[in-house]
Amino acid sequence: MKKSVVLLERPIRREFDEPLKHEVETVVVEYCSKAGVKIVPRWHKTDPRLLLEGGIANFLVEFGPEQFRVTAELAPLAGLLDNQKTRSKALAVIDEMAEKLRV
């Protein structure tokens, strides 16, 4: 059974639009390639939501009208690695990316 964990939730600072969508794609590819992580990004057809599919974890990035949220869905194996240290590292990377995107 997968475990869902909200890693980041805060007021959004920038309205979601096409330029932001393209910036998000660029930043995600950049960070994943630096980390050597294979992620498959999939945008929702109508909603401003991006699913990042990975091996042992998926990340849902949601750009609401008022909130920006990143949720991790952890496979059972990843759940074993879910601790404060790994969450802190993940949050630091996510926060760095969000700052770069100004969201």
N, C-alpha and C. Protein backbone atom coordinates (compact mmCIF):
# COMPACT_ATOMS: atom_id res chain seq x y z
N MET A 1 0.83 -1.18 0.00
CA MET A 1 0.00 0.00 0.00
C MET A 1 0.88 1.24 0.00
N LYS A 2 0.55 2.18 -0.84
CA LYS A 2 1.34 3.40 -0.94
C LYS A 2 0.96 4.37 0.17
N LYS A 3 1.94 5.16 0.55
CA LYS A 3 1.77 6.14 1.62
C LYS A 3 1.91 7.53 1.01
N SER A 4 0.97 8.43 1.29
CA SER A 4 1.03 9.81 0.79
C SER A 4 1.51 10.74 1.89
N VAL A 5 2.44 11.62 1.52
CA VAL A 5 3.02 12.56 2.47
C VAL A 5 3.07 13.94 1.80
N VAL A 6 2.45 14.94 2.42
CA VAL A 6 2.55 16.31 1.91
C VAL A 6 3.91 16.85 2.34
N LEU A 7 4.74 17.16 1.36
CA LEU A 7 6.09 17.67 1.65
C LEU A 7 6.13 19.18 1.76
N LEU A 8 5.31 19.85 0.98
CA LEU A 8 5.31 21.31 0.99
C LEU A 8 3.93 21.82 0.63
N GLU A 9 3.47 22.79 1.39
CA GLU A 9 2.19 23.44 1.10
C GLU A 9 2.30 24.87 1.59
N ARG A 10 2.09 25.79 0.67
CA ARG A 10 2.20 27.21 1.04
C ARG A 10 1.40 28.04 0.05
N PRO A 11 1.14 29.30 0.39
CA PRO A 11 0.43 30.17 -0.55
C PRO A 11 1.25 30.31 -1.84
N ILE A 12 0.56 30.30 -2.95
CA ILE A 12 1.26 30.44 -4.23
C ILE A 12 1.55 31.91 -4.47
N ARG A 13 2.72 32.19 -5.02
CA ARG A 13 3.14 33.57 -5.24
C ARG A 13 3.01 34.01 -6.69
N ARG A 14 2.70 33.08 -7.55
CA ARG A 14 2.69 33.37 -8.97
C ARG A 14 1.56 32.58 -9.62
N GLU A 15 0.80 33.24 -10.47
CA GLU A 15 -0.31 32.59 -11.15
C GLU A 15 0.22 31.56 -12.14
N PHE A 16 -0.46 30.43 -12.21
CA PHE A 16 -0.07 29.38 -13.14
C PHE A 16 -0.47 29.79 -14.55
N ASP A 17 0.49 29.72 -15.47
CA ASP A 17 0.23 30.03 -16.87
C ASP A 17 1.18 29.19 -17.74
N GLU A 18 1.08 29.34 -19.04
CA GLU A 18 1.92 28.54 -19.95
C GLU A 18 3.42 28.78 -19.75
N PRO A 19 3.86 30.06 -19.59
CA PRO A 19 5.29 30.24 -19.35
C PRO A 19 5.78 29.52 -18.08
N LEU A 20 4.98 29.56 -17.00
CA LEU A 20 5.36 28.85 -15.78
C LEU A 20 5.39 27.35 -16.03
N LYS A 21 4.43 26.84 -16.76
CA LYS A 21 4.39 25.40 -17.08
C LYS A 21 5.70 24.97 -17.75
N HIS A 22 6.16 25.74 -18.71
CA HIS A 22 7.40 25.41 -19.41
C HIS A 22 8.62 25.56 -18.50
N GLU A 23 8.61 26.56 -17.63
CA GLU A 23 9.70 26.73 -16.67
C GLU A 23 9.78 25.55 -15.71
N VAL A 24 8.61 25.09 -15.25
CA VAL A 24 8.56 23.94 -14.35
C VAL A 24 9.19 22.72 -15.03
N GLU A 25 8.81 22.47 -16.26
CA GLU A 25 9.36 21.32 -16.99
C GLU A 25 10.88 21.42 -17.09
N THR A 26 11.38 22.60 -17.40
CA THR A 26 12.82 22.82 -17.54
C THR A 26 13.55 22.57 -16.22
N VAL A 27 13.02 23.13 -15.15
CA VAL A 27 13.65 23.00 -13.83
C VAL A 27 13.61 21.54 -13.36
N VAL A 28 12.50 20.86 -13.55
CA VAL A 28 12.39 19.46 -13.13
C VAL A 28 13.41 18.60 -13.87
N VAL A 29 13.51 18.78 -15.18
CA VAL A 29 14.48 18.00 -15.96
C VAL A 29 15.91 18.31 -15.49
N GLU A 30 16.19 19.59 -15.26
CA GLU A 30 17.52 20.01 -14.81
C GLU A 30 17.89 19.36 -13.48
N TYR A 31 17.01 19.46 -12.50
CA TYR A 31 17.31 18.92 -11.18
C TYR A 31 17.39 17.40 -11.19
N CYS A 32 16.51 16.75 -11.93
CA CYS A 32 16.53 15.29 -11.97
C CYS A 32 17.79 14.77 -12.67
N SER A 33 18.20 15.43 -13.73
CA SER A 33 19.40 14.97 -14.42
C SER A 33 20.64 15.19 -13.55
N LYS A 34 20.68 16.30 -12.79
CA LYS A 34 21.80 16.54 -11.86
C LYS A 34 21.88 15.44 -10.81
N ALA A 35 20.72 15.02 -10.33
CA ALA A 35 20.66 14.01 -9.27
C ALA A 35 20.74 12.59 -9.80
N GLY A 36 20.69 12.44 -11.13
CA GLY A 36 20.72 11.10 -11.71
C GLY A 36 19.44 10.32 -11.46
N VAL A 37 18.35 11.03 -11.33
CA VAL A 37 17.05 10.42 -11.04
C VAL A 37 16.21 10.40 -12.31
N LYS A 38 15.64 9.23 -12.60
CA LYS A 38 14.77 9.13 -13.78
C LYS A 38 13.33 9.38 -13.35
N ILE A 39 12.76 10.44 -13.87
CA ILE A 39 11.39 10.84 -13.56
C ILE A 39 10.64 11.03 -14.87
N VAL A 40 9.40 10.58 -14.90
CA VAL A 40 8.55 10.79 -16.06
C VAL A 40 7.50 11.84 -15.68
N PRO A 41 7.59 13.06 -16.26
CA PRO A 41 6.61 14.10 -15.94
C PRO A 41 5.35 13.96 -16.79
N ARG A 42 4.19 14.08 -16.16
CA ARG A 42 2.91 14.01 -16.87
C ARG A 42 1.98 15.10 -16.33
N TRP A 43 1.64 16.04 -17.21
CA TRP A 43 0.70 17.09 -16.83
C TRP A 43 -0.72 16.55 -16.94
N HIS A 44 -1.57 16.97 -16.02
CA HIS A 44 -2.99 16.66 -16.10
C HIS A 44 -3.55 17.36 -17.34
N LYS A 45 -4.53 16.76 -18.01
CA LYS A 45 -5.05 17.33 -19.25
C LYS A 45 -5.67 18.71 -19.08
N THR A 46 -6.34 18.95 -17.95
CA THR A 46 -7.04 20.23 -17.78
C THR A 46 -6.61 21.01 -16.54
N ASP A 47 -6.15 20.34 -15.52
CA ASP A 47 -5.81 21.01 -14.26
C ASP A 47 -4.31 21.31 -14.18
N PRO A 48 -3.93 22.35 -13.44
CA PRO A 48 -2.51 22.66 -13.28
C PRO A 48 -1.85 21.74 -12.25
N ARG A 49 -1.76 20.48 -12.62
CA ARG A 49 -1.16 19.45 -11.76
C ARG A 49 -0.15 18.67 -12.57
N LEU A 50 0.99 18.44 -11.98
CA LEU A 50 2.06 17.70 -12.63
C LEU A 50 2.37 16.47 -11.79
N LEU A 51 2.31 15.31 -12.41
CA LEU A 51 2.68 14.06 -11.75
C LEU A 51 4.08 13.71 -12.21
N LEU A 52 4.97 13.53 -11.26
CA LEU A 52 6.34 13.11 -11.54
C LEU A 52 6.46 11.66 -11.10
N GLU A 53 6.50 10.77 -12.08
CA GLU A 53 6.53 9.34 -11.78
C GLU A 53 7.96 8.84 -11.69
N GLY A 54 8.26 8.27 -10.54
CA GLY A 54 9.59 7.71 -10.31
C GLY A 54 9.47 6.24 -9.97
N GLY A 55 10.57 5.63 -9.64
CA GLY A 55 10.57 4.21 -9.34
C GLY A 55 9.88 3.87 -8.04
N ILE A 56 10.36 4.44 -6.94
CA ILE A 56 9.79 4.09 -5.65
C ILE A 56 8.94 5.21 -5.05
N ALA A 57 8.89 6.33 -5.76
CA ALA A 57 8.07 7.45 -5.28
C ALA A 57 7.55 8.26 -6.47
N ASN A 58 6.33 8.72 -6.33
CA ASN A 58 5.74 9.65 -7.29
C ASN A 58 5.50 10.95 -6.54
N PHE A 59 5.57 12.06 -7.28
CA PHE A 59 5.33 13.36 -6.68
C PHE A 59 4.22 14.06 -7.45
N LEU A 60 3.24 14.57 -6.74
CA LEU A 60 2.17 15.35 -7.35
C LEU A 60 2.40 16.81 -6.99
N VAL A 61 2.58 17.63 -8.01
CA VAL A 61 2.81 19.06 -7.83
C VAL A 61 1.55 19.78 -8.28
N GLU A 62 0.90 20.50 -7.36
CA GLU A 62 -0.37 21.16 -7.65
C GLU A 62 -0.23 22.67 -7.52
N PHE A 63 -0.70 23.36 -8.56
CA PHE A 63 -0.67 24.82 -8.59
C PHE A 63 -2.11 25.32 -8.48
N GLY A 64 -2.59 25.48 -7.25
CA GLY A 64 -3.95 25.96 -7.04
C GLY A 64 -4.01 27.47 -7.16
N PRO A 65 -5.23 28.02 -7.15
CA PRO A 65 -5.36 29.48 -7.25
C PRO A 65 -4.75 30.20 -6.04
N GLU A 66 -4.70 29.50 -4.90
CA GLU A 66 -4.16 30.12 -3.69
C GLU A 66 -3.03 29.32 -3.06
N GLN A 67 -2.94 28.03 -3.36
CA GLN A 67 -1.98 27.16 -2.72
C GLN A 67 -1.08 26.46 -3.73
N PHE A 68 0.17 26.26 -3.34
CA PHE A 68 1.14 25.44 -4.06
C PHE A 68 1.42 24.25 -3.15
N ARG A 69 1.29 23.02 -3.67
CA ARG A 69 1.45 21.84 -2.83
C ARG A 69 2.23 20.76 -3.57
N VAL A 70 3.12 20.09 -2.83
CA VAL A 70 3.85 18.95 -3.36
C VAL A 70 3.59 17.78 -2.43
N THR A 71 3.05 16.71 -3.00
CA THR A 71 2.74 15.51 -2.24
C THR A 71 3.55 14.35 -2.80
N ALA A 72 4.13 13.55 -1.93
CA ALA A 72 4.86 12.36 -2.34
C ALA A 72 3.98 11.15 -2.09
N GLU A 73 3.96 10.25 -3.04
CA GLU A 73 3.28 8.97 -2.88
C GLU A 73 4.38 7.91 -2.87
N LEU A 74 4.57 7.30 -1.72
CA LEU A 74 5.69 6.39 -1.52
C LEU A 74 5.27 4.93 -1.64
N ALA A 75 6.02 4.18 -2.42
CA ALA A 75 5.83 2.74 -2.50
C ALA A 75 6.27 2.14 -1.16
N PRO A 76 5.85 0.92 -0.85
CA PRO A 76 6.22 0.34 0.44
C PRO A 76 7.72 0.39 0.75
N LEU A 77 8.57 0.12 -0.25
CA LEU A 77 10.01 0.18 -0.02
C LEU A 77 10.45 1.60 0.35
N ALA A 78 9.92 2.59 -0.33
CA ALA A 78 10.26 3.98 -0.03
C ALA A 78 9.77 4.36 1.36
N GLY A 79 8.66 3.77 1.78
CA GLY A 79 8.15 4.05 3.12
C GLY A 79 9.15 3.70 4.20
N LEU A 80 9.98 2.70 3.93
CA LEU A 80 11.02 2.32 4.89
C LEU A 80 12.10 3.40 5.00
N LEU A 81 12.25 4.18 3.94
CA LEU A 81 13.27 5.24 3.92
C LEU A 81 12.71 6.59 4.37
N ASP A 82 11.41 6.62 4.68
CA ASP A 82 10.75 7.87 5.06
C ASP A 82 11.08 8.21 6.50
N ASN A 83 11.97 9.16 6.68
CA ASN A 83 12.31 9.63 8.01
C ASN A 83 12.58 11.13 7.94
N GLN A 84 12.84 11.75 9.05
CA GLN A 84 13.02 13.19 9.09
C GLN A 84 14.19 13.65 8.23
N LYS A 85 15.26 12.88 8.22
CA LYS A 85 16.45 13.26 7.45
C LYS A 85 16.14 13.26 5.95
N THR A 86 15.51 12.21 5.44
CA THR A 86 15.22 12.15 4.00
C THR A 86 14.15 13.17 3.62
N ARG A 87 13.17 13.38 4.50
CA ARG A 87 12.16 14.41 4.23
C ARG A 87 12.79 15.79 4.18
N SER A 88 13.72 16.06 5.08
CA SER A 88 14.39 17.36 5.10
C SER A 88 15.18 17.60 3.82
N LYS A 89 15.87 16.56 3.34
CA LYS A 89 16.63 16.68 2.09
C LYS A 89 15.68 16.93 0.92
N ALA A 90 14.60 16.16 0.85
CA ALA A 90 13.63 16.32 -0.23
C ALA A 90 13.01 17.71 -0.18
N LEU A 91 12.64 18.16 1.00
CA LEU A 91 12.03 19.48 1.16
C LEU A 91 13.00 20.58 0.74
N ALA A 92 14.27 20.44 1.05
CA ALA A 92 15.26 21.45 0.67
C ALA A 92 15.35 21.57 -0.84
N VAL A 93 15.36 20.44 -1.55
CA VAL A 93 15.43 20.46 -3.01
C VAL A 93 14.14 21.06 -3.59
N ILE A 94 12.99 20.63 -3.07
CA ILE A 94 11.70 21.15 -3.56
C ILE A 94 11.61 22.65 -3.31
N ASP A 95 12.01 23.08 -2.14
CA ASP A 95 11.95 24.50 -1.81
C ASP A 95 12.89 25.31 -2.71
N GLU A 96 14.06 24.77 -2.99
CA GLU A 96 15.01 25.45 -3.89
C GLU A 96 14.40 25.60 -5.29
N MET A 97 13.76 24.54 -5.77
CA MET A 97 13.12 24.59 -7.08
C MET A 97 11.97 25.61 -7.08
N ALA A 98 11.17 25.60 -6.02
CA ALA A 98 10.04 26.54 -5.93
C ALA A 98 10.53 27.98 -5.90
N GLU A 99 11.62 28.24 -5.20
CA GLU A 99 12.18 29.59 -5.16
C GLU A 99 12.67 30.00 -6.55
N LYS A 100 13.32 29.07 -7.23
CA LYS A 100 13.81 29.37 -8.59
C LYS A 100 12.66 29.73 -9.52
N LEU A 101 11.51 29.07 -9.31
CA LEU A 101 10.32 29.31 -10.14
C LEU A 101 9.45 30.46 -9.62
N ARG A 102 9.77 30.97 -8.45
CA ARG A 102 9.00 32.05 -7.82
C ARG A 102 7.53 31.65 -7.58
N VAL A 103 7.32 30.43 -7.10
CA VAL A 103 5.95 29.99 -6.78
C VAL A 103 5.80 29.78 -5.29
